[in-house]
Amino acid sequence: MNWKRPDIQKLIDAVLVLRTPAEARHFLRDLMTESEIEEFARRLRAAELLSQKVPYSKIVEETGLSSTTVARVARWLKSEGGGYRRILHRLSSEA
């Protein structure tokens, strides 16, 4: 993916200017379908469970994600750059 494409950079910039949970809810609602939002929420939940060393089979059962998607989330969770890792760390720091 070309992250430097102007339209993709504009999307990143848009996310960065959100200030409140309400703004984020409204933007996500306008940007994605309800099923896409639910899918991304399940992926984030899978990342959280993977970081807690929960077995894939339990994650598939709880989230309804395919084992392929759980494996992909696991790969991204472990990868350098680690967007999931950073977000989970920040969320746990705020709790």
N, C-alpha and C. Protein backbone atom coordinates (compact mmCIF):
# COMPACT_ATOMS: atom_id res chain seq x y z
N MET A 1 0.85 -1.18 0.00
CA MET A 1 0.00 0.00 0.00
C MET A 1 0.88 1.23 0.00
N ASN A 2 0.47 2.21 -0.75
CA ASN A 2 1.20 3.47 -0.81
C ASN A 2 0.63 4.44 0.22
N TRP A 3 1.24 4.47 1.39
CA TRP A 3 0.77 5.30 2.49
C TRP A 3 0.94 6.79 2.22
N LYS A 4 1.72 7.14 1.20
CA LYS A 4 1.96 8.55 0.90
C LYS A 4 0.99 9.12 -0.13
N ARG A 5 0.08 8.27 -0.63
CA ARG A 5 -0.93 8.79 -1.56
C ARG A 5 -1.72 9.89 -0.86
N PRO A 6 -2.00 10.97 -1.55
CA PRO A 6 -2.70 12.10 -0.91
C PRO A 6 -4.04 11.72 -0.26
N ASP A 7 -4.82 10.85 -0.90
CA ASP A 7 -6.12 10.50 -0.32
C ASP A 7 -5.95 9.67 0.94
N ILE A 8 -4.95 8.81 0.98
CA ILE A 8 -4.70 8.01 2.18
C ILE A 8 -4.15 8.90 3.30
N GLN A 9 -3.26 9.81 2.95
CA GLN A 9 -2.72 10.74 3.94
C GLN A 9 -3.84 11.61 4.52
N LYS A 10 -4.80 12.00 3.69
CA LYS A 10 -5.94 12.80 4.16
C LYS A 10 -6.77 12.00 5.17
N LEU A 11 -6.95 10.70 4.92
CA LEU A 11 -7.69 9.86 5.86
C LEU A 11 -6.95 9.78 7.19
N ILE A 12 -5.64 9.59 7.14
CA ILE A 12 -4.84 9.56 8.37
C ILE A 12 -4.96 10.88 9.12
N ASP A 13 -4.84 11.97 8.40
CA ASP A 13 -4.98 13.29 9.02
C ASP A 13 -6.35 13.47 9.66
N ALA A 14 -7.39 12.96 8.99
CA ALA A 14 -8.75 13.07 9.52
C ALA A 14 -8.87 12.34 10.86
N VAL A 15 -8.29 11.16 10.96
CA VAL A 15 -8.34 10.40 12.21
C VAL A 15 -7.61 11.17 13.31
N LEU A 16 -6.50 11.78 12.96
CA LEU A 16 -5.70 12.48 13.96
C LEU A 16 -6.35 13.74 14.51
N VAL A 17 -7.31 14.31 13.81
CA VAL A 17 -7.95 15.53 14.32
C VAL A 17 -9.20 15.25 15.16
N LEU A 18 -9.61 14.00 15.27
CA LEU A 18 -10.75 13.67 16.12
C LEU A 18 -10.40 13.97 17.58
N ARG A 19 -11.33 14.60 18.30
CA ARG A 19 -11.01 15.04 19.65
C ARG A 19 -11.82 14.35 20.75
N THR A 20 -12.99 13.85 20.40
CA THR A 20 -13.85 13.27 21.43
C THR A 20 -14.40 11.92 20.97
N PRO A 21 -14.84 11.10 21.92
CA PRO A 21 -15.48 9.84 21.52
C PRO A 21 -16.68 10.07 20.59
N ALA A 22 -17.44 11.12 20.84
CA ALA A 22 -18.61 11.41 19.98
C ALA A 22 -18.15 11.72 18.55
N GLU A 23 -17.09 12.52 18.41
CA GLU A 23 -16.57 12.82 17.08
C GLU A 23 -16.12 11.53 16.38
N ALA A 24 -15.45 10.66 17.12
CA ALA A 24 -14.98 9.40 16.55
C ALA A 24 -16.15 8.53 16.13
N ARG A 25 -17.18 8.44 16.96
CA ARG A 25 -18.38 7.66 16.61
C ARG A 25 -19.02 8.17 15.33
N HIS A 26 -19.18 9.48 15.24
CA HIS A 26 -19.83 10.08 14.07
C HIS A 26 -18.99 9.84 12.81
N PHE A 27 -17.69 10.01 12.93
CA PHE A 27 -16.81 9.81 11.77
C PHE A 27 -16.83 8.35 11.32
N LEU A 28 -16.71 7.43 12.27
CA LEU A 28 -16.73 6.00 11.91
C LEU A 28 -18.07 5.63 11.28
N ARG A 29 -19.16 6.15 11.82
CA ARG A 29 -20.49 5.87 11.27
C ARG A 29 -20.59 6.36 9.83
N ASP A 30 -20.05 7.54 9.56
CA ASP A 30 -20.10 8.10 8.21
C ASP A 30 -19.15 7.39 7.25
N LEU A 31 -18.04 6.91 7.78
CA LEU A 31 -16.99 6.32 6.95
C LEU A 31 -17.26 4.87 6.58
N MET A 32 -17.82 4.11 7.51
CA MET A 32 -17.94 2.67 7.32
C MET A 32 -19.37 2.21 7.54
N THR A 33 -19.63 0.99 7.07
CA THR A 33 -20.92 0.36 7.35
C THR A 33 -20.90 -0.16 8.78
N GLU A 34 -22.07 -0.45 9.29
CA GLU A 34 -22.17 -1.01 10.64
C GLU A 34 -21.38 -2.32 10.74
N SER A 35 -21.48 -3.16 9.73
CA SER A 35 -20.77 -4.45 9.78
C SER A 35 -19.25 -4.26 9.72
N GLU A 36 -18.77 -3.25 9.01
CA GLU A 36 -17.32 -2.97 8.98
C GLU A 36 -16.84 -2.51 10.36
N ILE A 37 -17.61 -1.65 11.00
CA ILE A 37 -17.24 -1.19 12.35
C ILE A 37 -17.19 -2.38 13.31
N GLU A 38 -18.19 -3.24 13.23
CA GLU A 38 -18.22 -4.43 14.10
C GLU A 38 -17.04 -5.35 13.81
N GLU A 39 -16.69 -5.52 12.55
CA GLU A 39 -15.54 -6.36 12.17
C GLU A 39 -14.24 -5.81 12.76
N PHE A 40 -14.04 -4.50 12.65
CA PHE A 40 -12.81 -3.90 13.19
C PHE A 40 -12.77 -4.00 14.71
N ALA A 41 -13.92 -3.87 15.35
CA ALA A 41 -13.99 -4.03 16.80
C ALA A 41 -13.62 -5.46 17.20
N ARG A 42 -14.09 -6.44 16.43
CA ARG A 42 -13.74 -7.85 16.72
C ARG A 42 -12.25 -8.09 16.53
N ARG A 43 -11.65 -7.46 15.54
CA ARG A 43 -10.21 -7.62 15.33
C ARG A 43 -9.42 -7.02 16.49
N LEU A 44 -9.85 -5.87 16.96
CA LEU A 44 -9.18 -5.26 18.11
C LEU A 44 -9.32 -6.17 19.33
N ARG A 45 -10.50 -6.73 19.53
CA ARG A 45 -10.73 -7.67 20.64
C ARG A 45 -9.82 -8.89 20.49
N ALA A 46 -9.67 -9.39 19.27
CA ALA A 46 -8.78 -10.52 19.04
C ALA A 46 -7.35 -10.15 19.41
N ALA A 47 -6.90 -8.96 19.05
CA ALA A 47 -5.55 -8.53 19.42
C ALA A 47 -5.39 -8.48 20.93
N GLU A 48 -6.40 -7.98 21.60
CA GLU A 48 -6.37 -7.92 23.06
C GLU A 48 -6.26 -9.32 23.65
N LEU A 49 -7.07 -10.25 23.16
CA LEU A 49 -7.04 -11.63 23.66
C LEU A 49 -5.72 -12.31 23.33
N LEU A 50 -5.19 -12.08 22.14
CA LEU A 50 -3.89 -12.65 21.77
C LEU A 50 -2.79 -12.15 22.70
N SER A 51 -2.85 -10.88 23.05
CA SER A 51 -1.83 -10.33 23.95
C SER A 51 -1.92 -10.93 25.34
N GLN A 52 -3.11 -11.49 25.67
CA GLN A 52 -3.30 -12.17 26.95
C GLN A 52 -3.05 -13.67 26.85
N LYS A 53 -2.52 -14.09 25.69
CA LYS A 53 -2.17 -15.50 25.43
C LYS A 53 -3.38 -16.44 25.41
N VAL A 54 -4.53 -15.92 25.04
CA VAL A 54 -5.73 -16.74 24.91
C VAL A 54 -5.58 -17.59 23.65
N PRO A 55 -5.91 -18.88 23.70
CA PRO A 55 -5.77 -19.75 22.52
C PRO A 55 -6.65 -19.28 21.35
N TYR A 56 -6.15 -19.53 20.13
CA TYR A 56 -6.87 -19.14 18.92
C TYR A 56 -8.31 -19.66 18.94
N SER A 57 -8.49 -20.90 19.35
CA SER A 57 -9.83 -21.50 19.31
C SER A 57 -10.81 -20.71 20.18
N LYS A 58 -10.37 -20.25 21.33
CA LYS A 58 -11.24 -19.44 22.21
C LYS A 58 -11.54 -18.08 21.58
N ILE A 59 -10.54 -17.51 20.91
CA ILE A 59 -10.72 -16.21 20.26
C ILE A 59 -11.72 -16.33 19.12
N VAL A 60 -11.58 -17.38 18.32
CA VAL A 60 -12.53 -17.63 17.23
C VAL A 60 -13.93 -17.77 17.80
N GLU A 61 -14.05 -18.52 18.88
CA GLU A 61 -15.36 -18.74 19.51
C GLU A 61 -15.96 -17.44 20.04
N GLU A 62 -15.14 -16.64 20.72
CA GLU A 62 -15.65 -15.40 21.33
C GLU A 62 -15.97 -14.32 20.30
N THR A 63 -15.09 -14.17 19.31
CA THR A 63 -15.23 -13.05 18.38
C THR A 63 -16.03 -13.38 17.12
N GLY A 64 -16.09 -14.65 16.76
CA GLY A 64 -16.74 -15.03 15.52
C GLY A 64 -15.85 -14.81 14.30
N LEU A 65 -14.60 -14.41 14.53
CA LEU A 65 -13.65 -14.24 13.43
C LEU A 65 -13.20 -15.60 12.93
N SER A 66 -12.74 -15.66 11.70
CA SER A 66 -12.18 -16.90 11.18
C SER A 66 -10.79 -17.10 11.78
N SER A 67 -10.33 -18.34 11.79
CA SER A 67 -8.98 -18.61 12.30
C SER A 67 -7.93 -17.91 11.44
N THR A 68 -8.22 -17.74 10.16
CA THR A 68 -7.30 -17.03 9.27
C THR A 68 -7.16 -15.57 9.69
N THR A 69 -8.28 -14.94 10.02
CA THR A 69 -8.24 -13.55 10.46
C THR A 69 -7.52 -13.43 11.80
N VAL A 70 -7.76 -14.35 12.71
CA VAL A 70 -7.07 -14.33 14.00
C VAL A 70 -5.57 -14.48 13.78
N ALA A 71 -5.17 -15.36 12.88
CA ALA A 71 -3.75 -15.54 12.59
C ALA A 71 -3.15 -14.27 11.99
N ARG A 72 -3.90 -13.60 11.13
CA ARG A 72 -3.43 -12.34 10.54
C ARG A 72 -3.27 -11.28 11.62
N VAL A 73 -4.23 -11.18 12.52
CA VAL A 73 -4.13 -10.22 13.62
C VAL A 73 -2.91 -10.55 14.48
N ALA A 74 -2.67 -11.83 14.73
CA ALA A 74 -1.50 -12.25 15.51
C ALA A 74 -0.21 -11.82 14.82
N ARG A 75 -0.17 -11.98 13.51
CA ARG A 75 1.04 -11.59 12.76
C ARG A 75 1.26 -10.09 12.87
N TRP A 76 0.19 -9.30 12.71
CA TRP A 76 0.32 -7.85 12.82
C TRP A 76 0.66 -7.43 14.24
N LEU A 77 0.13 -8.12 15.22
CA LEU A 77 0.42 -7.82 16.62
C LEU A 77 1.90 -8.00 16.93
N LYS A 78 2.51 -9.01 16.30
CA LYS A 78 3.93 -9.31 16.54
C LYS A 78 4.86 -8.51 15.64
N SER A 79 4.34 -7.90 14.59
CA SER A 79 5.20 -7.24 13.61
C SER A 79 5.81 -5.95 14.14
N GLU A 80 6.93 -5.61 13.52
CA GLU A 80 7.57 -4.35 13.87
C GLU A 80 6.67 -3.21 13.43
N GLY A 81 6.63 -2.19 14.19
CA GLY A 81 5.72 -1.09 13.91
C GLY A 81 4.48 -1.21 14.77
N GLY A 82 4.03 -2.43 14.96
CA GLY A 82 2.99 -2.82 15.89
C GLY A 82 1.90 -1.84 16.22
N GLY A 83 1.02 -1.55 15.27
CA GLY A 83 -0.11 -0.66 15.56
C GLY A 83 -1.01 -1.20 16.64
N TYR A 84 -1.33 -2.49 16.56
CA TYR A 84 -2.16 -3.10 17.61
C TYR A 84 -1.47 -2.99 18.97
N ARG A 85 -0.19 -3.35 19.00
CA ARG A 85 0.57 -3.34 20.27
C ARG A 85 0.54 -1.94 20.89
N ARG A 86 0.77 -0.93 20.08
CA ARG A 86 0.80 0.44 20.59
C ARG A 86 -0.57 0.85 21.12
N ILE A 87 -1.62 0.56 20.38
CA ILE A 87 -2.97 0.92 20.81
C ILE A 87 -3.35 0.20 22.10
N LEU A 88 -3.07 -1.11 22.17
CA LEU A 88 -3.39 -1.86 23.38
C LEU A 88 -2.64 -1.32 24.58
N HIS A 89 -1.39 -0.94 24.38
CA HIS A 89 -0.59 -0.36 25.47
C HIS A 89 -1.21 0.96 25.94
N ARG A 90 -1.58 1.79 24.98
CA ARG A 90 -2.17 3.09 25.36
C ARG A 90 -3.51 2.93 26.03
N LEU A 91 -4.32 1.99 25.53
CA LEU A 91 -5.61 1.75 26.17
C LEU A 91 -5.45 1.23 27.58
N SER A 92 -4.48 0.34 27.80
CA SER A 92 -4.27 -0.20 29.16
C SER A 92 -3.70 0.85 30.09
N SER A 93 -2.94 1.79 29.56
CA SER A 93 -2.38 2.87 30.37
C SER A 93 -3.45 3.84 30.84
N GLU A 94 -4.53 3.97 30.05
CA GLU A 94 -5.62 4.89 30.39
C GLU A 94 -6.62 4.26 31.34
N ALA A 95 -6.59 2.93 31.46
CA ALA A 95 -7.58 2.24 32.29
C ALA A 95 -7.33 2.44 33.76
